[in-house]
C-alpha cells in the first residue's frame, strides 16, 4: 500500500488516540483503565461524569470544529485555485462570529437555542458569497486575499464596537469567548445543535468534490469537459458556509487550521482538491484536539482560549506558506 493509501486510516487512528488522550488528561489525570471503564459503563459515577459530561464532549467538539474548518479550507482552495484560501483568512469565520455576537448583544439567543447557530450560518454564507462573487469578477489571487483581509478588518472593528457598547459584563464575556474561540464546557447538546449544519455542509462539499478536480485544469477547460461553473461555485460556497457557520456556532472564531491541514495533505494526494477534502478534515480535527489538550494541561493561571493557540501556531505557518509560494513563483 502506498503512503496515500495509509493516509486516511492513519489519520483516523491518530484521531482516536488523541480523543482517548483527551479523556485521560486534565486537571486531574485519569489512568487508562478508569477511562476505558467509564467509556464502557463499568466505572463509578464520578468517572463517568467527568468523561461523558466534560472531557469527551469537549474533545469531540474540538474535532468536529477542526474537521469542518479543514474541509471548508480545502474546498475553498480548490474553488479559488489558491492554497492561501481558507475561512479564517478570507473573513468567513470573522463574519460568522460577528453575526453570532450580534445575536448575543441583542439578547436574541434567549429566544431559541437555534438563534446562535443560525446567526453564525448566515454570517458565514454572506461572507463566502462575497468572496465567491469576487472570484467570479476577478482572477487576481491578491485581490481575493485583500478582500478577505478587508472583510476580516471590518468585522473585527464591528465586534470591537459591540464590545465597547456591551450593556453588562456577562454579555461582554460571552462576546469575548466567541471572538477568541473555545470548546470549554461544550456538551453533547451543543454539538447536536451544530451537527445539522456541519453534516449538511460536509455532505454538499463531498458531493460536489469532483468539480474541484476539474477546476485544476482551469475554468475554460473545466467548462469544456462539462462542468457547470456556476453550480460548482454555489455548491462550494453553500457547503463551506454551512460547515464554517456550524463550527463557529460551536466553538467561536478559530483561524488558520483550515489552511494548514490542506497544505500538509496536498502532496500525499497528488495535489488533487477532491482527494484532499477528507484527509484535510481529519488532520484539522486532529490538530484542534491536540491543541485543546495543550490548552488544558499548560500551567497557566487562566486557561488559554483555543482560538488563540490555533492562531499562534497557524499564523507563522501561514506566513511560511505565503513566502514559499512567492519563492516558487519566482
Protein backbone atom coordinates (compact mmCIF):
# COMPACT_ATOMS: atom_id res chain seq x y z
CA UNK A 1 0.00 0.00 0.00
CA UNK A 2 1.30 3.47 -0.90
CA UNK A 3 1.68 6.37 1.54
CA UNK A 4 -1.55 7.78 0.13
CA UNK A 5 -3.32 4.53 0.97
CA UNK A 6 -2.21 4.78 4.58
CA UNK A 7 -3.17 8.45 4.90
CA UNK A 8 -6.84 8.23 5.87
CA UNK A 9 -6.55 5.09 8.09
CA UNK A 10 -3.52 6.63 9.78
CA UNK A 11 -5.34 9.90 10.44
CA UNK A 12 -8.38 8.05 11.82
CA UNK A 13 -6.18 6.01 14.17
CA UNK A 14 -4.29 9.12 15.31
CA UNK A 15 -7.56 10.96 15.91
CA UNK A 16 -8.98 8.14 18.05
CA UNK A 17 -5.77 8.06 20.08
CA UNK A 18 -5.88 11.84 20.51
CA UNK A 19 -9.51 11.77 21.69
CA UNK A 20 -8.63 8.97 24.12
CA UNK A 21 -5.68 11.05 25.36
CA UNK A 22 -8.06 13.99 25.82
CA UNK A 23 -10.14 11.77 28.10
CA UNK A 24 -7.03 10.80 30.06
CA UNK A 25 -5.61 14.28 30.58
CA UNK A 26 -6.95 17.23 32.51
CA UNK A 27 -6.64 19.00 35.84
CA UNK A 28 -6.69 15.51 37.40
CA UNK A 29 -5.27 12.86 35.03
CA UNK A 30 -7.10 9.55 34.98
CA UNK A 31 -5.49 6.13 34.43
CA UNK A 32 -6.28 4.43 31.13
CA UNK A 33 -8.13 1.62 32.89
CA UNK A 34 -10.54 4.00 34.61
CA UNK A 35 -11.15 5.90 31.36
CA UNK A 36 -11.95 2.68 29.49
CA UNK A 37 -14.25 1.60 32.29
CA UNK A 38 -16.02 4.97 32.21
CA UNK A 39 -16.42 4.82 28.43
CA UNK A 40 -17.99 1.37 28.56
CA UNK A 41 -20.11 1.88 31.67
CA UNK A 42 -18.05 -0.03 34.21
CA UNK A 43 -16.70 2.85 36.30
CA UNK A 44 -18.08 4.73 39.29
CA UNK A 45 -20.41 7.69 38.83
CA UNK A 46 -17.76 10.41 39.23
CA UNK A 47 -15.53 8.96 36.50
CA UNK A 48 -18.47 8.58 34.11
CA UNK A 49 -19.49 12.17 34.81
CA UNK A 50 -16.00 13.51 34.09
CA UNK A 51 -15.65 11.53 30.87
CA UNK A 52 -19.16 11.76 29.40
CA UNK A 53 -20.13 15.25 30.57
CA UNK A 54 -16.82 17.12 30.37
CA UNK A 55 -13.85 15.57 28.59
CA UNK A 56 -15.36 13.52 25.76
CA UNK A 57 -17.82 16.23 24.57
CA UNK A 58 -15.01 18.78 24.64
CA UNK A 59 -12.69 16.57 22.59
CA UNK A 60 -15.43 15.77 20.07
CA UNK A 61 -16.35 19.47 19.80
CA UNK A 62 -12.70 20.29 19.03
CA UNK A 63 -12.55 17.53 16.42
CA UNK A 64 -15.76 18.38 14.55
CA UNK A 65 -14.87 22.09 14.60
CA UNK A 66 -11.45 21.39 13.12
CA UNK A 67 -12.89 18.93 10.61
CA UNK A 68 -15.44 21.49 9.39
CA UNK A 69 -12.77 24.17 9.00
CA UNK A 70 -10.35 21.74 7.34
CA UNK A 71 -12.78 20.52 4.70
CA UNK A 72 -14.03 24.07 4.09
CA UNK A 73 -10.47 25.31 3.64
CA UNK A 74 -9.61 22.51 1.22
CA UNK A 75 -12.79 23.17 -0.80
CA UNK A 76 -12.22 26.93 -0.98
CA UNK A 77 -8.62 26.39 -2.02
CA UNK A 78 -9.81 24.11 -4.79
CA UNK A 79 -12.53 26.54 -5.91
CA UNK A 80 -10.26 29.57 -5.94
CA UNK A 81 -7.19 27.56 -7.00
CA UNK A 82 -5.29 29.32 -4.23
CA UNK A 83 -3.50 27.48 -1.38
CA UNK A 84 -3.82 30.59 0.82
CA UNK A 85 -7.62 30.48 0.86
CA UNK A 86 -9.48 29.32 3.98
CA UNK A 87 -12.46 30.51 6.03
CA UNK A 88 -10.37 32.48 8.53
CA UNK A 89 -8.09 34.24 6.05
CA UNK A 90 -10.99 35.14 3.77
CA UNK A 91 -13.06 36.62 6.59
CA UNK A 92 -15.71 33.89 6.66
CA UNK A 93 -15.08 32.88 10.28
CA UNK A 94 -14.94 36.51 11.41
CA UNK A 95 -18.21 37.29 9.66
CA UNK A 96 -19.87 34.27 11.27
CA UNK A 97 -18.55 35.43 14.65
CA UNK A 98 -19.89 38.94 14.06
CA UNK A 99 -23.40 37.69 13.37
CA UNK A 100 -23.18 35.39 16.40
CA UNK A 101 -22.04 38.23 18.68
CA UNK A 102 -24.84 40.46 17.35
CA UNK A 103 -27.34 37.81 18.43
CA UNK A 104 -25.67 37.73 21.86
CA UNK A 105 -25.55 41.54 22.13
CA UNK A 106 -29.27 41.96 21.44
CA UNK A 107 -30.27 39.01 23.62
CA UNK A 108 -31.72 37.08 20.70
CA UNK A 109 -30.11 33.85 21.94
CA UNK A 110 -32.70 33.78 24.73
CA UNK A 111 -35.47 33.28 22.15
CA UNK A 112 -34.28 29.87 20.95
CA UNK A 113 -31.15 27.70 21.13
CA UNK A 114 -31.19 27.72 17.30
CA UNK A 115 -30.68 31.50 17.06
CA UNK A 116 -26.92 31.44 17.65
CA UNK A 117 -26.08 28.69 15.12
CA UNK A 118 -28.42 30.24 12.56
CA UNK A 119 -26.83 33.66 13.02
CA UNK A 120 -23.36 32.17 12.55
CA UNK A 121 -24.53 30.30 9.44
CA UNK A 122 -25.99 33.45 7.88
CA UNK A 123 -22.78 35.38 8.59
CA UNK A 124 -20.61 32.64 7.09
CA UNK A 125 -22.79 32.34 3.98
CA UNK A 126 -22.80 36.12 3.45
CA UNK A 127 -19.01 36.34 3.61
CA UNK A 128 -18.46 33.25 1.46
CA UNK A 129 -20.90 34.56 -1.15
CA UNK A 130 -18.98 37.85 -1.26
CA UNK A 131 -15.71 36.00 -1.80
CA UNK A 132 -17.28 33.82 -4.49
CA UNK A 133 -18.66 36.92 -6.26
CA UNK A 134 -15.21 38.48 -6.13
CA UNK A 135 -13.75 35.27 -7.53
CA UNK A 136 -16.15 35.50 -10.48
CA UNK A 137 -15.31 39.14 -11.19
CA UNK A 138 -11.54 38.95 -10.79
CA UNK A 139 -8.85 36.37 -11.49
CA UNK A 140 -6.34 38.02 -9.18
CA UNK A 141 -5.43 35.95 -6.13
CA UNK A 142 -4.01 39.06 -4.45
CA UNK A 143 -7.33 40.86 -4.88
CA UNK A 144 -9.21 37.99 -3.23
CA UNK A 145 -6.82 37.91 -0.29
CA UNK A 146 -7.10 41.69 0.10
CA UNK A 147 -10.89 41.46 0.07
CA UNK A 148 -10.68 38.79 2.76
CA UNK A 149 -8.32 40.92 4.85
CA UNK A 150 -10.62 43.91 4.44
CA UNK A 151 -13.66 41.84 5.43
CA UNK A 152 -11.86 40.48 8.49
CA UNK A 153 -10.79 44.00 9.49
CA UNK A 154 -14.31 45.36 9.10
CA UNK A 155 -15.95 42.56 11.08
CA UNK A 156 -13.23 42.85 13.73
CA UNK A 157 -13.94 46.57 14.07
CA UNK A 158 -17.68 45.91 14.27
CA UNK A 159 -17.15 43.34 17.03
CA UNK A 160 -14.91 45.79 18.92
CA UNK A 161 -17.68 48.37 18.68
CA UNK A 162 -20.19 45.90 20.08
CA UNK A 163 -17.84 45.12 22.96
CA UNK A 164 -17.48 48.83 23.70
CA UNK A 165 -21.26 49.12 23.84
CA UNK A 166 -21.88 45.87 25.76
CA UNK A 167 -24.70 46.50 28.27
CA UNK A 168 -23.21 44.35 31.05
CA UNK A 169 -20.09 42.29 31.92
CA UNK A 170 -21.86 38.99 31.26
CA UNK A 171 -22.71 39.92 27.68
CA UNK A 172 -19.16 41.20 27.19
CA UNK A 173 -17.73 37.92 28.49
CA UNK A 174 -19.88 35.86 26.11
CA UNK A 175 -18.84 38.03 23.17
CA UNK A 176 -15.14 37.74 24.01
CA UNK A 177 -15.47 33.95 24.27
CA UNK A 178 -16.86 33.80 20.71
CA UNK A 179 -14.14 36.12 19.40
CA UNK A 180 -11.31 34.10 20.93
CA UNK A 181 -12.71 30.63 20.28
CA UNK A 182 -13.07 27.83 22.81
CA UNK A 183 -14.62 24.39 23.27
CA UNK A 184 -14.54 24.52 27.07
CA UNK A 185 -17.78 23.42 28.74
CA UNK A 186 -19.30 22.20 25.47
CA UNK A 187 -21.87 19.45 25.80
CA UNK A 188 -23.40 16.86 23.50
CA UNK A 189 -26.49 19.08 23.33
CA UNK A 190 -24.47 21.97 21.82
CA UNK A 191 -22.77 19.58 19.41
CA UNK A 192 -26.24 18.35 18.45
CA UNK A 193 -27.41 21.89 17.65
CA UNK A 194 -24.45 22.49 15.34
CA UNK A 195 -24.48 18.98 13.84
CA UNK A 196 -27.18 19.52 11.17
CA UNK A 197 -25.25 22.43 9.68
CA UNK A 198 -21.90 20.64 9.92
CA UNK A 199 -23.31 17.49 8.32
CA UNK A 200 -25.16 19.37 5.58
CA UNK A 201 -22.13 21.48 4.68
CA UNK A 202 -19.80 18.49 4.65
CA UNK A 203 -22.21 16.44 2.54
CA UNK A 204 -22.55 19.23 -0.04
CA UNK A 205 -18.78 19.62 -0.32
CA UNK A 206 -18.24 15.88 -0.70
CA UNK A 207 -20.99 15.52 -3.31
CA UNK A 208 -19.55 18.38 -5.37
CA UNK A 209 -15.89 17.41 -4.95
CA UNK A 210 -15.36 16.10 -8.49
CA UNK A 211 -15.85 19.59 -9.85
CA UNK A 212 -12.89 20.78 -7.78
CA UNK A 213 -10.65 18.31 -9.57
CA UNK A 214 -11.86 19.60 -12.93
CA UNK A 215 -11.06 23.18 -11.89
CA UNK A 216 -7.36 22.31 -11.64
CA UNK A 217 -7.40 22.35 -15.46
CA UNK A 218 -8.59 25.96 -15.45
CA UNK A 219 -12.12 27.31 -15.74
CA UNK A 220 -12.29 27.18 -19.54
CA UNK A 221 -11.03 23.61 -19.72
CA UNK A 222 -13.30 22.55 -16.84
CA UNK A 223 -16.28 24.07 -18.62
CA UNK A 224 -15.20 22.28 -21.78
CA UNK A 225 -15.38 18.89 -20.08
CA UNK A 226 -18.93 19.60 -18.91
CA UNK A 227 -18.52 21.28 -15.51
CA UNK A 228 -21.23 23.76 -14.64
CA UNK A 229 -19.07 26.51 -13.14
CA UNK A 230 -21.96 28.47 -11.66
CA UNK A 231 -23.38 25.37 -9.95
CA UNK A 232 -19.93 24.41 -8.66
CA UNK A 233 -19.37 27.84 -7.13
CA UNK A 234 -22.79 27.88 -5.50
CA UNK A 235 -22.41 24.39 -4.02
CA UNK A 236 -18.89 25.06 -2.72
CA UNK A 237 -19.93 28.41 -1.24
CA UNK A 238 -23.03 26.88 0.37
CA UNK A 239 -21.17 23.86 1.73
CA UNK A 240 -18.25 25.89 3.12
CA UNK A 241 -20.62 28.46 4.59
CA UNK A 242 -22.77 25.87 6.35
CA UNK A 243 -19.76 23.95 7.71
CA UNK A 244 -17.92 27.07 8.83
CA UNK A 245 -21.03 28.58 10.38
CA UNK A 246 -21.66 25.37 12.32
CA UNK A 247 -18.05 25.36 13.52
CA UNK A 248 -18.25 28.99 14.67
CA UNK A 249 -21.59 28.35 16.38
CA UNK A 250 -19.96 25.53 18.32
CA UNK A 251 -16.52 26.93 19.12
CA UNK A 252 -16.35 30.58 18.07
CA UNK A 253 -13.72 32.02 15.74
CA UNK A 254 -10.75 29.70 15.18
CA UNK A 255 -8.46 30.62 12.33
CA UNK A 256 -5.66 29.17 10.24
CA UNK A 257 -6.32 25.46 10.88
CA UNK A 258 -8.20 25.40 7.59
CA UNK A 259 -5.11 26.45 5.68
CA UNK A 260 -2.51 24.32 7.45
CA UNK A 261 -4.24 20.94 7.10
CA UNK A 262 -4.89 21.08 3.32
CA UNK A 263 -1.34 22.30 2.73
CA UNK A 264 0.12 19.33 4.63
CA UNK A 265 -2.23 16.85 2.95
CA UNK A 266 -1.91 18.09 -0.64
CA UNK A 267 1.40 16.35 -1.56
CA UNK A 268 0.00 12.99 -0.41
CA UNK A 269 -2.99 13.22 -2.76
CA UNK A 270 -1.06 14.45 -5.82
CA UNK A 271 -2.46 17.97 -5.33
CA UNK A 272 -5.98 16.80 -6.19
CA UNK A 273 -8.50 19.04 -4.33
CA UNK A 274 -11.21 16.36 -4.39
CA UNK A 275 -8.97 13.78 -2.71
CA UNK A 276 -7.76 16.32 -0.15
CA UNK A 277 -11.18 17.01 1.42
CA UNK A 278 -11.48 14.04 3.78
CA UNK A 279 -7.80 13.91 4.85
CA UNK A 280 -7.84 17.69 5.43
CA UNK A 281 -10.91 17.34 7.63
CA UNK A 282 -9.34 14.54 9.66
CA UNK A 283 -5.99 16.31 10.05
CA UNK A 284 -7.55 19.65 11.01
CA UNK A 285 -9.74 17.90 13.58
CA UNK A 286 -6.69 16.09 14.96
CA UNK A 287 -4.76 19.36 15.20
CA UNK A 288 -7.51 21.04 17.20
CA UNK A 289 -7.88 18.07 19.56
CA UNK A 290 -4.13 18.15 20.25
CA UNK A 291 -4.18 21.95 20.61
CA UNK A 292 -7.04 21.72 23.11
CA UNK A 293 -5.14 19.10 25.11
CA UNK A 294 -2.26 21.58 25.25
CA UNK A 295 -4.65 24.33 26.38
CA UNK A 296 -5.88 22.15 29.24
CA UNK A 297 -2.51 20.97 30.55
CA UNK A 298 -0.49 24.18 30.19
CA UNK A 299 0.32 25.53 33.68
CA UNK A 300 -1.35 28.93 33.24
CA UNK A 301 -3.41 30.84 35.80
CA UNK A 302 -6.29 31.25 33.35
CA UNK A 303 -6.96 28.69 30.64
CA UNK A 304 -5.87 29.90 27.22
CA UNK A 305 -8.51 30.09 24.50
CA UNK A 306 -8.28 27.51 21.74
CA UNK A 307 -8.53 30.15 19.02
CA UNK A 308 -5.54 31.97 20.48
CA UNK A 309 -3.39 28.82 20.49
CA UNK A 310 -4.52 27.95 16.94
CA UNK A 311 -3.55 31.43 15.75
CA UNK A 312 -0.16 31.29 17.49
CA UNK A 313 0.57 28.04 15.63
CA UNK A 314 -1.22 28.84 12.38
CA UNK A 315 -0.17 32.44 11.70
CA UNK A 316 3.56 31.64 11.36
CA UNK A 317 2.64 28.64 9.20
CA UNK A 318 0.51 30.91 7.00
CA UNK A 319 3.41 33.34 6.58
CA UNK A 320 5.74 30.45 5.68
CA UNK A 321 3.28 29.10 3.11
CA UNK A 322 2.86 32.55 1.57
CA UNK A 323 6.63 33.13 1.40
CA UNK A 324 7.23 29.66 -0.04
CA UNK A 325 4.54 30.22 -2.68
CA UNK A 326 6.12 33.53 -3.64
CA UNK A 327 9.54 31.88 -3.91
CA UNK A 328 8.22 29.03 -6.07
CA UNK A 329 6.50 31.51 -8.35
CA UNK A 330 9.78 33.28 -8.86
